[in-house]
């Protein structure tokens, strides 16, 4: 899922209800890849909490900028019931496991809190 344009986020794509819908359409061992790079918002706890709620482990994968080939840095979250996929050497080397517990409040169609995930950027 790479539905974000610039630094604006469609909040409804990061809710409990949205994650239910995604996993209803994925095969049992399918992988949900969520692009969460953002200059102003720290989206990791939002996606991490949704993964916990849906009962599927995940990893965060950070890709560094590479000017030589013209790519920007990015951060992705991969969530899957397939432990086999998450434990492949390539994923283990590239990613860091998400926390399996979180006190962050789950976003729903009725609740979200952008202030809570705001990055305080000075400059």
PDB file of N, CA and C in Angstrom:
ATOM      1  N   UNK A   1       0.857  -1.155   0.000  1.00  0.00           N
ATOM      2  CA  UNK A   1       0.000   0.000   0.000  1.00  0.00           C
ATOM      3  C   UNK A   1       0.911   1.227   0.000  1.00  0.00           C
ATOM      4  N   UNK A   2       0.797   1.968  -1.027  1.00  0.00           N
ATOM      5  CA  UNK A   2       1.572   3.197  -1.158  1.00  0.00           C
ATOM      6  C   UNK A   2       0.617   4.269  -1.660  1.00  0.00           C
ATOM      7  N   UNK A   3      -0.341   4.615  -0.808  1.00  0.00           N
ATOM      8  CA  UNK A   3      -1.433   5.499  -1.214  1.00  0.00           C
ATOM      9  C   UNK A   3      -1.240   6.937  -0.774  1.00  0.00           C
ATOM     10  N   UNK A   4      -0.099   7.235  -0.181  1.00  0.00           N
ATOM     11  CA  UNK A   4       0.094   8.570   0.353  1.00  0.00           C
ATOM     12  C   UNK A   4       0.753   9.458  -0.695  1.00  0.00           C
ATOM     13  N   UNK A   5       0.256  10.660  -0.805  1.00  0.00           N
ATOM     14  CA  UNK A   5       0.799  11.626  -1.752  1.00  0.00           C
ATOM     15  C   UNK A   5       1.470  12.729  -0.950  1.00  0.00           C
ATOM     16  N   UNK A   6       2.756  12.876  -1.110  1.00  0.00           N
ATOM     17  CA  UNK A   6       3.476  13.864  -0.312  1.00  0.00           C
ATOM     18  C   UNK A   6       3.407  13.488   1.146  1.00  0.00           C
ATOM     19  N   UNK A   7       3.144  14.472   1.991  1.00  0.00           N
ATOM     20  CA  UNK A   7       3.083  14.193   3.419  1.00  0.00           C
ATOM     21  C   UNK A   7       1.658  14.175   3.953  1.00  0.00           C
ATOM     22  N   UNK A   8       0.675  14.262   3.087  1.00  0.00           N
ATOM     23  CA  UNK A   8      -0.721  14.136   3.513  1.00  0.00           C
ATOM     24  C   UNK A   8      -1.045  12.645   3.615  1.00  0.00           C
ATOM     25  N   UNK A   9      -1.832  12.274   4.618  1.00  0.00           N
ATOM     26  CA  UNK A   9      -2.197  10.864   4.746  1.00  0.00           C
ATOM     27  C   UNK A   9      -3.709  10.705   4.786  1.00  0.00           C
ATOM     28  N   UNK A  10      -4.209   9.729   4.043  1.00  0.00           N
ATOM     29  CA  UNK A  10      -5.627   9.405   4.157  1.00  0.00           C
ATOM     30  C   UNK A  10      -5.819   8.500   5.384  1.00  0.00           C
ATOM     31  N   UNK A  11      -6.223   9.085   6.483  1.00  0.00           N
ATOM     32  CA  UNK A  11      -6.312   8.389   7.769  1.00  0.00           C
ATOM     33  C   UNK A  11      -7.147   7.123   7.677  1.00  0.00           C
ATOM     34  N   UNK A  12      -8.195   7.137   6.874  1.00  0.00           N
ATOM     35  CA  UNK A  12      -9.097   5.983   6.795  1.00  0.00           C
ATOM     36  C   UNK A  12      -8.401   4.718   6.285  1.00  0.00           C
ATOM     37  N   UNK A  13      -7.215   4.834   5.701  1.00  0.00           N
ATOM     38  CA  UNK A  13      -6.483   3.663   5.228  1.00  0.00           C
ATOM     39  C   UNK A  13      -5.642   3.012   6.328  1.00  0.00           C
ATOM     40  N   UNK A  14      -5.598   3.626   7.507  1.00  0.00           N
ATOM     41  CA  UNK A  14      -4.768   3.120   8.604  1.00  0.00           C
ATOM     42  C   UNK A  14      -5.602   2.706   9.817  1.00  0.00           C
ATOM     43  N   UNK A  15      -6.862   2.436   9.617  1.00  0.00           N
ATOM     44  CA  UNK A  15      -7.753   2.087  10.729  1.00  0.00           C
ATOM     45  C   UNK A  15      -7.926   0.582  10.870  1.00  0.00           C
ATOM     46  N   UNK A  16      -8.461   0.186  12.013  1.00  0.00           N
ATOM     47  CA  UNK A  16      -8.782  -1.221  12.274  1.00  0.00           C
ATOM     48  C   UNK A  16      -9.648  -1.779  11.145  1.00  0.00           C
ATOM     49  N   UNK A  17     -10.661  -1.019  10.749  1.00  0.00           N
ATOM     50  CA  UNK A  17     -11.575  -1.483   9.712  1.00  0.00           C
ATOM     51  C   UNK A  17     -10.871  -1.668   8.369  1.00  0.00           C
ATOM     52  N   UNK A  18      -9.943  -0.779   8.066  1.00  0.00           N
ATOM     53  CA  UNK A  18      -9.184  -0.904   6.815  1.00  0.00           C
ATOM     54  C   UNK A  18      -8.321  -2.167   6.833  1.00  0.00           C
ATOM     55  N   UNK A  19      -7.649  -2.428   7.956  1.00  0.00           N
ATOM     56  CA  UNK A  19      -6.800  -3.617   8.047  1.00  0.00           C
ATOM     57  C   UNK A  19      -7.619  -4.896   7.976  1.00  0.00           C
ATOM     58  N   UNK A  20      -8.816  -4.883   8.556  1.00  0.00           N
ATOM     59  CA  UNK A  20      -9.712  -6.037   8.418  1.00  0.00           C
ATOM     60  C   UNK A  20     -10.003  -6.296   6.942  1.00  0.00           C
ATOM     61  N   UNK A  21     -10.297  -5.238   6.222  1.00  0.00           N
ATOM     62  CA  UNK A  21     -10.604  -5.352   4.803  1.00  0.00           C
ATOM     63  C   UNK A  21      -9.397  -5.868   4.015  1.00  0.00           C
ATOM     64  N   UNK A  22      -8.209  -5.329   4.279  1.00  0.00           N
ATOM     65  CA  UNK A  22      -7.010  -5.775   3.566  1.00  0.00           C
ATOM     66  C   UNK A  22      -6.802  -7.274   3.743  1.00  0.00           C
ATOM     67  N   UNK A  23      -6.896  -7.742   4.984  1.00  0.00           N
ATOM     68  CA  UNK A  23      -6.610  -9.151   5.240  1.00  0.00           C
ATOM     69  C   UNK A  23      -7.744 -10.070   4.809  1.00  0.00           C
ATOM     70  N   UNK A  24      -8.930  -9.544   4.629  1.00  0.00           N
ATOM     71  CA  UNK A  24     -10.012 -10.350   4.038  1.00  0.00           C
ATOM     72  C   UNK A  24      -9.716 -10.636   2.574  1.00  0.00           C
ATOM     73  N   UNK A  25      -8.990  -9.742   1.918  1.00  0.00           N
ATOM     74  CA  UNK A  25      -8.708  -9.903   0.496  1.00  0.00           C
ATOM     75  C   UNK A  25      -7.358 -10.559   0.210  1.00  0.00           C
ATOM     76  N   UNK A  26      -6.516 -10.692   1.217  1.00  0.00           N
ATOM     77  CA  UNK A  26      -5.226 -11.371   1.029  1.00  0.00           C
ATOM     78  C   UNK A  26      -5.385 -12.868   1.260  1.00  0.00           C
ATOM     79  N   UNK A  27      -4.568 -13.644   0.593  1.00  0.00           N
ATOM     80  CA  UNK A  27      -4.522 -15.076   0.871  1.00  0.00           C
ATOM     81  C   UNK A  27      -4.003 -15.263   2.289  1.00  0.00           C
ATOM     82  N   UNK A  28      -4.232 -16.429   2.915  1.00  0.00           N
ATOM     83  CA  UNK A  28      -3.810 -16.624   4.311  1.00  0.00           C
ATOM     84  C   UNK A  28      -2.336 -16.311   4.583  1.00  0.00           C
ATOM     85  N   UNK A  29      -1.445 -16.592   3.655  1.00  0.00           N
ATOM     86  CA  UNK A  29      -0.024 -16.286   3.844  1.00  0.00           C
ATOM     87  C   UNK A  29       0.403 -15.009   3.161  1.00  0.00           C
ATOM     88  N   UNK A  30      -0.576 -14.190   2.741  1.00  0.00           N
ATOM     89  CA  UNK A  30      -0.279 -12.959   2.010  1.00  0.00           C
ATOM     90  C   UNK A  30       0.464 -11.942   2.856  1.00  0.00           C
ATOM     91  N   UNK A  31       1.032 -10.968   2.192  1.00  0.00           N
ATOM     92  CA  UNK A  31       1.854  -9.954   2.851  1.00  0.00           C
ATOM     93  C   UNK A  31       1.266  -8.581   2.557  1.00  0.00           C
ATOM     94  N   UNK A  32       1.033  -7.812   3.605  1.00  0.00           N
ATOM     95  CA  UNK A  32       0.609  -6.427   3.451  1.00  0.00           C
ATOM     96  C   UNK A  32       1.848  -5.561   3.626  1.00  0.00           C
ATOM     97  N   UNK A  33       2.207  -4.830   2.589  1.00  0.00           N
ATOM     98  CA  UNK A  33       3.354  -3.925   2.630  1.00  0.00           C
ATOM     99  C   UNK A  33       2.807  -2.500   2.673  1.00  0.00           C
ATOM    100  N   UNK A  34       3.135  -1.769   3.738  1.00  0.00           N
ATOM    101  CA  UNK A  34       2.619  -0.416   3.935  1.00  0.00           C
ATOM    102  C   UNK A  34       3.786   0.566   3.931  1.00  0.00           C
ATOM    103  N   UNK A  35       3.759   1.495   2.998  1.00  0.00           N
ATOM    104  CA  UNK A  35       4.794   2.521   2.911  1.00  0.00           C
ATOM    105  C   UNK A  35       4.447   3.625   3.905  1.00  0.00           C
ATOM    106  N   UNK A  36       5.329   3.875   4.888  1.00  0.00           N
ATOM    107  CA  UNK A  36       5.016   4.855   5.930  1.00  0.00           C
ATOM    108  C   UNK A  36       6.015   5.996   6.011  1.00  0.00           C
ATOM    109  N   UNK A  37       6.822   6.201   4.993  1.00  0.00           N
ATOM    110  CA  UNK A  37       7.755   7.340   5.000  1.00  0.00           C
ATOM    111  C   UNK A  37       6.954   8.634   5.075  1.00  0.00           C
ATOM    112  N   UNK A  38       7.349   9.517   5.974  1.00  0.00           N
ATOM    113  CA  UNK A  38       6.645  10.786   6.115  1.00  0.00           C
ATOM    114  C   UNK A  38       7.550  11.762   6.846  1.00  0.00           C
ATOM    115  N   UNK A  39       7.624  12.975   6.356  1.00  0.00           N
ATOM    116  CA  UNK A  39       8.489  13.984   6.971  1.00  0.00           C
ATOM    117  C   UNK A  39       7.941  14.537   8.273  1.00  0.00           C
ATOM    118  N   UNK A  40       6.625  14.471   8.464  1.00  0.00           N
ATOM    119  CA  UNK A  40       6.010  15.151   9.600  1.00  0.00           C
ATOM    120  C   UNK A  40       5.293  14.245  10.595  1.00  0.00           C
ATOM    121  N   UNK A  41       4.972  13.015  10.174  1.00  0.00           N
ATOM    122  CA  UNK A  41       4.218  12.116  11.043  1.00  0.00           C
ATOM    123  C   UNK A  41       4.960  10.805  11.243  1.00  0.00           C
ATOM    124  N   UNK A  42       4.968  10.310  12.473  1.00  0.00           N
ATOM    125  CA  UNK A  42       5.594   9.032  12.825  1.00  0.00           C
ATOM    126  C   UNK A  42       4.503   7.964  12.762  1.00  0.00           C
ATOM    127  N   UNK A  43       4.385   7.290  11.609  1.00  0.00           N
ATOM    128  CA  UNK A  43       3.286   6.370  11.355  1.00  0.00           C
ATOM    129  C   UNK A  43       3.533   4.952  11.855  1.00  0.00           C
ATOM    130  N   UNK A  44       4.751   4.636  12.265  1.00  0.00           N
ATOM    131  CA  UNK A  44       5.063   3.277  12.705  1.00  0.00           C
ATOM    132  C   UNK A  44       4.130   2.783  13.810  1.00  0.00           C
ATOM    133  N   UNK A  45       3.877   3.545  14.887  1.00  0.00           N
ATOM    134  CA  UNK A  45       3.003   3.001  15.933  1.00  0.00           C
ATOM    135  C   UNK A  45       1.572   2.760  15.458  1.00  0.00           C
ATOM    136  N   UNK A  46       1.115   3.509  14.487  1.00  0.00           N
ATOM    137  CA  UNK A  46      -0.244   3.321  13.964  1.00  0.00           C
ATOM    138  C   UNK A  46      -0.354   1.959  13.283  1.00  0.00           C
ATOM    139  N   UNK A  47       0.596   1.668  12.401  1.00  0.00           N
ATOM    140  CA  UNK A  47       0.569   0.407  11.659  1.00  0.00           C
ATOM    141  C   UNK A  47       0.939  -0.758  12.567  1.00  0.00           C
ATOM    142  N   UNK A  48       1.898  -0.542  13.442  1.00  0.00           N
ATOM    143  CA  UNK A  48       2.292  -1.582  14.393  1.00  0.00           C
ATOM    144  C   UNK A  48       1.093  -2.031  15.235  1.00  0.00           C
ATOM    145  N   UNK A  49       0.323  -1.073  15.738  1.00  0.00           N
ATOM    146  CA  UNK A  49      -0.839  -1.391  16.580  1.00  0.00           C
ATOM    147  C   UNK A  49      -1.916  -2.114  15.784  1.00  0.00           C
ATOM    148  N   UNK A  50      -2.122  -1.717  14.532  1.00  0.00           N
ATOM    149  CA  UNK A  50      -3.100  -2.407  13.682  1.00  0.00           C
ATOM    150  C   UNK A  50      -2.677  -3.853  13.445  1.00  0.00           C
ATOM    151  N   UNK A  51      -1.376  -4.083  13.255  1.00  0.00           N
ATOM    152  CA  UNK A  51      -0.869  -5.449  13.092  1.00  0.00           C
ATOM    153  C   UNK A  51      -1.085  -6.293  14.324  1.00  0.00           C
ATOM    154  N   UNK A  52      -0.875  -5.699  15.494  1.00  0.00           N
ATOM    155  CA  UNK A  52      -1.120  -6.407  16.756  1.00  0.00           C
ATOM    156  C   UNK A  52      -2.595  -6.768  16.854  1.00  0.00           C
ATOM    157  N   UNK A  53      -3.453  -5.810  16.571  1.00  0.00           N
ATOM    158  CA  UNK A  53      -4.885  -6.043  16.691  1.00  0.00           C
ATOM    159  C   UNK A  53      -5.353  -7.151  15.751  1.00  0.00           C
ATOM    160  N   UNK A  54      -4.830  -7.163  14.520  1.00  0.00           N
ATOM    161  CA  UNK A  54      -5.246  -8.157  13.543  1.00  0.00           C
ATOM    162  C   UNK A  54      -4.591  -9.513  13.818  1.00  0.00           C
ATOM    163  N   UNK A  55      -3.618  -9.518  14.738  1.00  0.00           N
ATOM    164  CA  UNK A  55      -2.988 -10.775  15.161  1.00  0.00           C
ATOM    165  C   UNK A  55      -1.922 -11.289  14.225  1.00  0.00           C
ATOM    166  N   UNK A  56      -1.252 -10.378  13.532  1.00  0.00           N
ATOM    167  CA  UNK A  56      -0.221 -10.794  12.586  1.00  0.00           C
ATOM    168  C   UNK A  56       1.088 -10.066  12.898  1.00  0.00           C
ATOM    169  N   UNK A  57       2.189 -10.799  12.922  1.00  0.00           N
ATOM    170  CA  UNK A  57       3.484 -10.156  13.179  1.00  0.00           C
ATOM    171  C   UNK A  57       3.953  -9.374  11.962  1.00  0.00           C
ATOM    172  N   UNK A  58       4.940  -8.533  12.195  1.00  0.00           N
ATOM    173  CA  UNK A  58       5.466  -7.740  11.092  1.00  0.00           C
ATOM    174  C   UNK A  58       6.885  -7.294  11.331  1.00  0.00           C
ATOM    175  N   UNK A  59       7.452  -6.681  10.309  1.00  0.00           N
ATOM    176  CA  UNK A  59       8.802  -6.127  10.381  1.00  0.00           C
ATOM    177  C   UNK A  59       8.797  -4.753   9.728  1.00  0.00           C
ATOM    178  N   UNK A  60       9.698  -3.899  10.182  1.00  0.00           N
ATOM    179  CA  UNK A  60       9.904  -2.618   9.508  1.00  0.00           C
ATOM    180  C   UNK A  60      11.164  -2.752   8.658  1.00  0.00           C
ATOM    181  N   UNK A  61      11.093  -2.219   7.462  1.00  0.00           N
ATOM    182  CA  UNK A  61      12.223  -2.297   6.536  1.00  0.00           C
ATOM    183  C   UNK A  61      12.547  -0.881   6.069  1.00  0.00           C
ATOM    184  N   UNK A  62      13.755  -0.448   6.371  1.00  0.00           N
ATOM    185  CA  UNK A  62      14.210   0.885   5.991  1.00  0.00           C
ATOM    186  C   UNK A  62      15.158   0.750   4.798  1.00  0.00           C
ATOM    187  N   UNK A  63      14.873   1.503   3.751  1.00  0.00           N
ATOM    188  CA  UNK A  63      15.715   1.527   2.566  1.00  0.00           C
ATOM    189  C   UNK A  63      16.414   2.877   2.528  1.00  0.00           C
ATOM    190  N   UNK A  64      17.704   2.869   2.433  1.00  0.00           N
ATOM    191  CA  UNK A  64      18.464   4.114   2.447  1.00  0.00           C
ATOM    192  C   UNK A  64      18.472   4.767   1.061  1.00  0.00           C
ATOM    193  N   UNK A  65      18.669   6.059   1.080  1.00  0.00           N
ATOM    194  CA  UNK A  65      18.787   6.816  -0.168  1.00  0.00           C
ATOM    195  C   UNK A  65      20.020   6.351  -0.925  1.00  0.00           C
ATOM    196  N   UNK A  66      19.902   6.288  -2.247  1.00  0.00           N
ATOM    197  CA  UNK A  66      21.033   5.924  -3.080  1.00  0.00           C
ATOM    198  C   UNK A  66      21.048   6.867  -4.278  1.00  0.00           C
ATOM    199  N   UNK A  67      21.820   7.926  -4.167  1.00  0.00           N
ATOM    200  CA  UNK A  67      21.877   8.935  -5.232  1.00  0.00           C
ATOM    201  C   UNK A  67      22.390   8.353  -6.543  1.00  0.00           C
ATOM    202  N   UNK A  68      23.271   7.366  -6.447  1.00  0.00           N
ATOM    203  CA  UNK A  68      23.855   6.783  -7.660  1.00  0.00           C
ATOM    204  C   UNK A  68      22.789   6.166  -8.562  1.00  0.00           C
ATOM    205  N   UNK A  69      21.753   5.597  -7.974  1.00  0.00           N
ATOM    206  CA  UNK A  69      20.694   4.992  -8.796  1.00  0.00           C
ATOM    207  C   UNK A  69      19.390   5.788  -8.731  1.00  0.00           C
ATOM    208  N   UNK A  70      19.432   6.933  -8.031  1.00  0.00           N
ATOM    209  CA  UNK A  70      18.284   7.838  -8.014  1.00  0.00           C
ATOM    210  C   UNK A  70      17.118   7.417  -7.137  1.00  0.00           C
ATOM    211  N   UNK A  71      17.410   6.810  -5.993  1.00  0.00           N
ATOM    212  CA  UNK A  71      16.320   6.420  -5.095  1.00  0.00           C
ATOM    213  C   UNK A  71      16.371   7.238  -3.807  1.00  0.00           C
ATOM    214  N   UNK A  72      15.216   7.431  -3.196  1.00  0.00           N
ATOM    215  CA  UNK A  72      15.095   8.131  -1.923  1.00  0.00           C
ATOM    216  C   UNK A  72      15.001   7.121  -0.786  1.00  0.00           C
ATOM    217  N   UNK A  73      15.293   7.568   0.419  1.00  0.00           N
ATOM    218  CA  UNK A  73      15.114   6.720   1.595  1.00  0.00           C
ATOM    219  C   UNK A  73      13.622   6.447   1.780  1.00  0.00           C
ATOM    220  N   UNK A  74      13.291   5.275   2.290  1.00  0.00           N
ATOM    221  CA  UNK A  74      11.891   4.954   2.542  1.00  0.00           C
ATOM    222  C   UNK A  74      11.782   3.990   3.717  1.00  0.00           C
ATOM    223  N   UNK A  75      10.595   3.963   4.305  1.00  0.00           N
ATOM    224  CA  UNK A  75      10.313   3.053   5.423  1.00  0.00           C
ATOM    225  C   UNK A  75       9.032   2.303   5.106  1.00  0.00           C
ATOM    226  N   UNK A  76       9.105   0.987   5.170  1.00  0.00           N
ATOM    227  CA  UNK A  76       7.980   0.111   4.881  1.00  0.00           C
ATOM    228  C   UNK A  76       7.720  -0.784   6.088  1.00  0.00           C
ATOM    229  N   UNK A  77       6.460  -1.139   6.284  1.00  0.00           N
ATOM    230  CA  UNK A  77       6.081  -2.146   7.265  1.00  0.00           C
ATOM    231  C   UNK A  77       5.506  -3.319   6.485  1.00  0.00           C
ATOM    232  N   UNK A  78       6.007  -4.518   6.765  1.00  0.00           N
ATOM    233  CA  UNK A  78       5.499  -5.746   6.156  1.00  0.00           C
ATOM    234  C   UNK A  78       4.783  -6.534   7.246  1.00  0.00           C
ATOM    235  N   UNK A  79       3.512  -6.838   7.035  1.00  0.00           N
ATOM    236  CA  UNK A  79       2.717  -7.596   8.003  1.00  0.00           C
ATOM    237  C   UNK A  79       2.219  -8.847   7.309  1.00  0.00           C
ATOM    238  N   UNK A  80       2.391  -9.997   7.978  1.00  0.00           N
ATOM    239  CA  UNK A  80       1.982 -11.258   7.365  1.00  0.00           C
ATOM    240  C   UNK A  80       1.796 -12.330   8.434  1.00  0.00           C
ATOM    241  N   UNK A  81       0.887 -13.240   8.167  1.00  0.00           N
ATOM    242  CA  UNK A  81       0.739 -14.413   9.032  1.00  0.00           C
ATOM    243  C   UNK A  81       1.807 -15.446   8.696  1.00  0.00           C
ATOM    244  N   UNK A  82       2.517 -15.246   7.595  1.00  0.00           N
ATOM    245  CA  UNK A  82       3.534 -16.198   7.160  1.00  0.00           C
ATOM    246  C   UNK A  82       4.845 -15.967   7.912  1.00  0.00           C
ATOM    247  N   UNK A  83       5.005 -16.690   9.001  1.00  0.00           N
ATOM    248  CA  UNK A  83       6.251 -16.607   9.765  1.00  0.00           C
ATOM    249  C   UNK A  83       7.431 -17.035   8.898  1.00  0.00           C
ATOM    250  N   UNK A  84       7.168 -17.975   7.985  1.00  0.00           N
ATOM    251  CA  UNK A  84       8.213 -18.442   7.071  1.00  0.00           C
ATOM    252  C   UNK A  84       8.767 -17.282   6.237  1.00  0.00           C
ATOM    253  N   UNK A  85       7.883 -16.437   5.713  1.00  0.00           N
ATOM    254  CA  UNK A  85       8.325 -15.276   4.939  1.00  0.00           C
ATOM    255  C   UNK A  85       9.107 -14.304   5.818  1.00  0.00           C
ATOM    256  N   UNK A  86       8.562 -13.992   6.998  1.00  0.00           N
ATOM    257  CA  UNK A  86       9.203 -13.008   7.872  1.00  0.00           C
ATOM    258  C   UNK A  86      10.564 -13.471   8.378  1.00  0.00           C
ATOM    259  N   UNK A  87      10.810 -14.793   8.342  1.00  0.00           N
ATOM    260  CA  UNK A  87      12.087 -15.319   8.821  1.00  0.00           C
ATOM    261  C   UNK A  87      13.062 -15.662   7.709  1.00  0.00           C
ATOM    262  N   UNK A  88      12.735 -15.307   6.462  1.00  0.00           N
ATOM    263  CA  UNK A  88      13.699 -15.548   5.388  1.00  0.00           C
ATOM    264  C   UNK A  88      14.942 -14.698   5.660  1.00  0.00           C
ATOM    265  N   UNK A  89      16.106 -15.175   5.263  1.00  0.00           N
ATOM    266  CA  UNK A  89      17.337 -14.423   5.535  1.00  0.00           C
ATOM    267  C   UNK A  89      17.302 -12.989   5.004  1.00  0.00           C
ATOM    268  N   UNK A  90      16.709 -12.776   3.840  1.00  0.00           N
ATOM    269  CA  UNK A  90      16.673 -11.434   3.250  1.00  0.00           C
ATOM    270  C   UNK A  90      15.838 -10.478   4.101  1.00  0.00           C
ATOM    271  N   UNK A  91      14.700 -10.946   4.566  1.00  0.00           N
ATOM    272  CA  UNK A  91      13.822 -10.102   5.386  1.00  0.00           C
ATOM    273  C   UNK A  91      14.443  -9.879   6.760  1.00  0.00           C
ATOM    274  N   UNK A  92      15.008 -10.926   7.354  1.00  0.00           N
ATOM    275  CA  UNK A  92      15.657 -10.768   8.669  1.00  0.00           C
ATOM    276  C   UNK A  92      16.810  -9.784   8.597  1.00  0.00           C
ATOM    277  N   UNK A  93      17.563  -9.820   7.507  1.00  0.00           N
ATOM    278  CA  UNK A  93      18.702  -8.908   7.351  1.00  0.00           C
ATOM    279  C   UNK A  93      18.232  -7.476   7.112  1.00  0.00           C
ATOM    280  N   UNK A  94      17.184  -7.298   6.341  1.00  0.00           N
ATOM    281  CA  UNK A  94      16.723  -5.963   5.964  1.00  0.00           C
ATOM    282  C   UNK A  94      15.809  -5.326   7.006  1.00  0.00           C
ATOM    283  N   UNK A  95      15.136  -6.148   7.810  1.00  0.00           N
ATOM    284  CA  UNK A  95      14.094  -5.617   8.679  1.00  0.00           C
ATOM    285  C   UNK A  95      14.345  -5.776  10.156  1.00  0.00           C
ATOM    286  N   UNK A  96      13.514  -5.087  10.924  1.00  0.00           N
ATOM    287  CA  UNK A  96      13.518  -5.197  12.386  1.00  0.00           C
ATOM    288  C   UNK A  96      12.103  -5.593  12.808  1.00  0.00           C
ATOM    289  N   UNK A  97      11.969  -6.608  13.667  1.00  0.00           N
ATOM    290  CA  UNK A  97      10.631  -7.036  14.088  1.00  0.00           C
ATOM    291  C   UNK A  97       9.872  -5.907  14.775  1.00  0.00           C
ATOM    292  N   UNK A  98       8.575  -5.868  14.527  1.00  0.00           N
ATOM    293  CA  UNK A  98       7.720  -4.906  15.216  1.00  0.00           C
ATOM    294  C   UNK A  98       7.457  -5.398  16.624  1.00  0.00           C
ATOM    295  N   UNK A  99       7.193  -4.469  17.522  1.00  0.00           N
ATOM    296  CA  UNK A  99       6.832  -4.835  18.890  1.00  0.00           C
ATOM    297  C   UNK A  99       5.524  -5.619  18.853  1.00  0.00           C
ATOM    298  N   UNK A 100       5.402  -6.596  19.703  1.00  0.00           N
ATOM    299  CA  UNK A 100       4.165  -7.380  19.747  1.00  0.00           C
ATOM    300  C   UNK A 100       3.201  -6.864  20.808  1.00  0.00           C
ATOM    301  N   UNK A 101       3.636  -5.858  21.524  1.00  0.00           N
ATOM    302  CA  UNK A 101       2.748  -5.205  22.483  1.00  0.00           C
ATOM    303  C   UNK A 101       2.871  -3.709  22.270  1.00  0.00           C
ATOM    304  N   UNK A 102       1.794  -3.019  22.496  1.00  0.00           N
ATOM    305  CA  UNK A 102       1.816  -1.580  22.312  1.00  0.00           C
ATOM    306  C   UNK A 102       0.702  -0.955  23.127  1.00  0.00           C
ATOM    307  N   UNK A 103       0.988   0.189  23.719  1.00  0.00           N
ATOM    308  CA  UNK A 103      -0.045   0.911  24.448  1.00  0.00           C
ATOM    309  C   UNK A 103      -0.668   1.991  23.564  1.00  0.00           C
ATOM    310  N   UNK A 104      -0.178   2.106  22.338  1.00  0.00           N
ATOM    311  CA  UNK A 104      -0.709   3.085  21.404  1.00  0.00           C
ATOM    312  C   UNK A 104      -2.170   2.745  21.115  1.00  0.00           C
ATOM    313  N   UNK A 105      -3.032   3.737  21.129  1.00  0.00           N
ATOM    314  CA  UNK A 105      -4.455   3.492  20.892  1.00  0.00           C
ATOM    315  C   UNK A 105      -4.725   3.191  19.419  1.00  0.00           C
ATOM    316  N   UNK A 106      -5.395   2.095  19.178  1.00  0.00           N
ATOM    317  CA  UNK A 106      -5.734   1.651  17.835  1.00  0.00           C
ATOM    318  C   UNK A 106      -6.618   2.682  17.136  1.00  0.00           C
ATOM    319  N   UNK A 107      -6.254   3.039  15.915  1.00  0.00           N
ATOM    320  CA  UNK A 107      -7.091   3.936  15.137  1.00  0.00           C
ATOM    321  C   UNK A 107      -8.262   3.160  14.560  1.00  0.00           C
ATOM    322  N   UNK A 108      -9.423   3.781  14.542  1.00  0.00           N
ATOM    323  CA  UNK A 108     -10.632   3.189  13.981  1.00  0.00           C
ATOM    324  C   UNK A 108     -11.285   4.223  13.066  1.00  0.00           C
ATOM    325  N   UNK A 109     -12.387   3.835  12.467  1.00  0.00           N
ATOM    326  CA  UNK A 109     -13.120   4.799  11.651  1.00  0.00           C
ATOM    327  C   UNK A 109     -13.678   5.928  12.504  1.00  0.00           C
ATOM    328  N   UNK A 110     -13.765   5.709  13.822  1.00  0.00           N
ATOM    329  CA  UNK A 110     -14.294   6.724  14.734  1.00  0.00           C
ATOM    330  C   UNK A 110     -13.223   7.439  15.555  1.00  0.00           C
ATOM    331  N   UNK A 111     -11.953   6.999  15.460  1.00  0.00           N
ATOM    332  CA  UNK A 111     -10.904   7.609  16.280  1.00  0.00           C
ATOM    333  C   UNK A 111      -9.571   7.616  15.540  1.00  0.00           C
ATOM    334  N   UNK A 112      -8.907   8.755  15.548  1.00  0.00           N
ATOM    335  CA  UNK A 112      -7.511   8.885  15.132  1.00  0.00           C
ATOM    336  C   UNK A 112      -6.964  10.116  15.839  1.00  0.00           C
ATOM    337  N   UNK A 113      -5.641  10.194  15.963  1.00  0.00           N
ATOM    338  CA  UNK A 113      -5.031  11.294  16.682  1.00  0.00           C
ATOM    339  C   UNK A 113      -3.720  11.675  15.999  1.00  0.00           C
ATOM    340  N   UNK A 114      -3.776  12.642  15.112  1.00  0.00           N
ATOM    341  CA  UNK A 114      -2.577  13.057  14.386  1.00  0.00           C
ATOM    342  C   UNK A 114      -1.568  13.768  15.280  1.00  0.00           C
ATOM    343  N   UNK A 115      -2.046  14.482  16.292  1.00  0.00           N
ATOM    344  CA  UNK A 115      -1.135  15.192  17.202  1.00  0.00           C
ATOM    345  C   UNK A 115      -0.197  14.199  17.894  1.00  0.00           C
ATOM    346  N   UNK A 116      -0.713  13.045  18.238  1.00  0.00           N
ATOM    347  CA  UNK A 116       0.070  12.024  18.951  1.00  0.00           C
ATOM    348  C   UNK A 116       1.250  11.504  18.124  1.00  0.00           C
ATOM    349  N   UNK A 117       1.155  11.559  16.807  1.00  0.00           N
ATOM    350  CA  UNK A 117       2.221  11.022  15.960  1.00  0.00           C
ATOM    351  C   UNK A 117       3.001  12.115  15.233  1.00  0.00           C
ATOM    352  N   UNK A 118       2.735  13.349  15.578  1.00  0.00           N
ATOM    353  CA  UNK A 118       3.412  14.487  14.948  1.00  0.00           C
ATOM    354  C   UNK A 118       4.897  14.483  15.320  1.00  0.00           C
ATOM    355  N   UNK A 119       5.747  14.611  14.309  1.00  0.00           N
ATOM    356  CA  UNK A 119       7.183  14.774  14.541  1.00  0.00           C
ATOM    357  C   UNK A 119       7.432  16.249  14.768  1.00  0.00           C
ATOM    358  N   UNK A 120       8.113  16.586  15.805  1.00  0.00           N
ATOM    359  CA  UNK A 120       8.395  17.994  16.078  1.00  0.00           C
ATOM    360  C   UNK A 120       9.655  18.369  15.322  1.00  0.00           C
ATOM    361  N   UNK A 121       9.449  19.001  14.173  1.00  0.00           N
ATOM    362  CA  UNK A 121      10.539  19.372  13.267  1.00  0.00           C
ATOM    363  C   UNK A 121      10.788  20.871  13.424  1.00  0.00           C
ATOM    364  N   UNK A 122      12.008  21.181  13.797  1.00  0.00           N
ATOM    365  CA  UNK A 122      12.398  22.589  13.917  1.00  0.00           C
ATOM    366  C   UNK A 122      13.274  22.950  12.730  1.00  0.00           C
ATOM    367  N   UNK A 123      13.155  24.161  12.297  1.00  0.00           N
ATOM    368  CA  UNK A 123      14.051  24.552  11.233  1.00  0.00           C
ATOM    369  C   UNK A 123      13.375  25.335  10.246  1.00  0.00           C
TER     370      UNK A 123
END
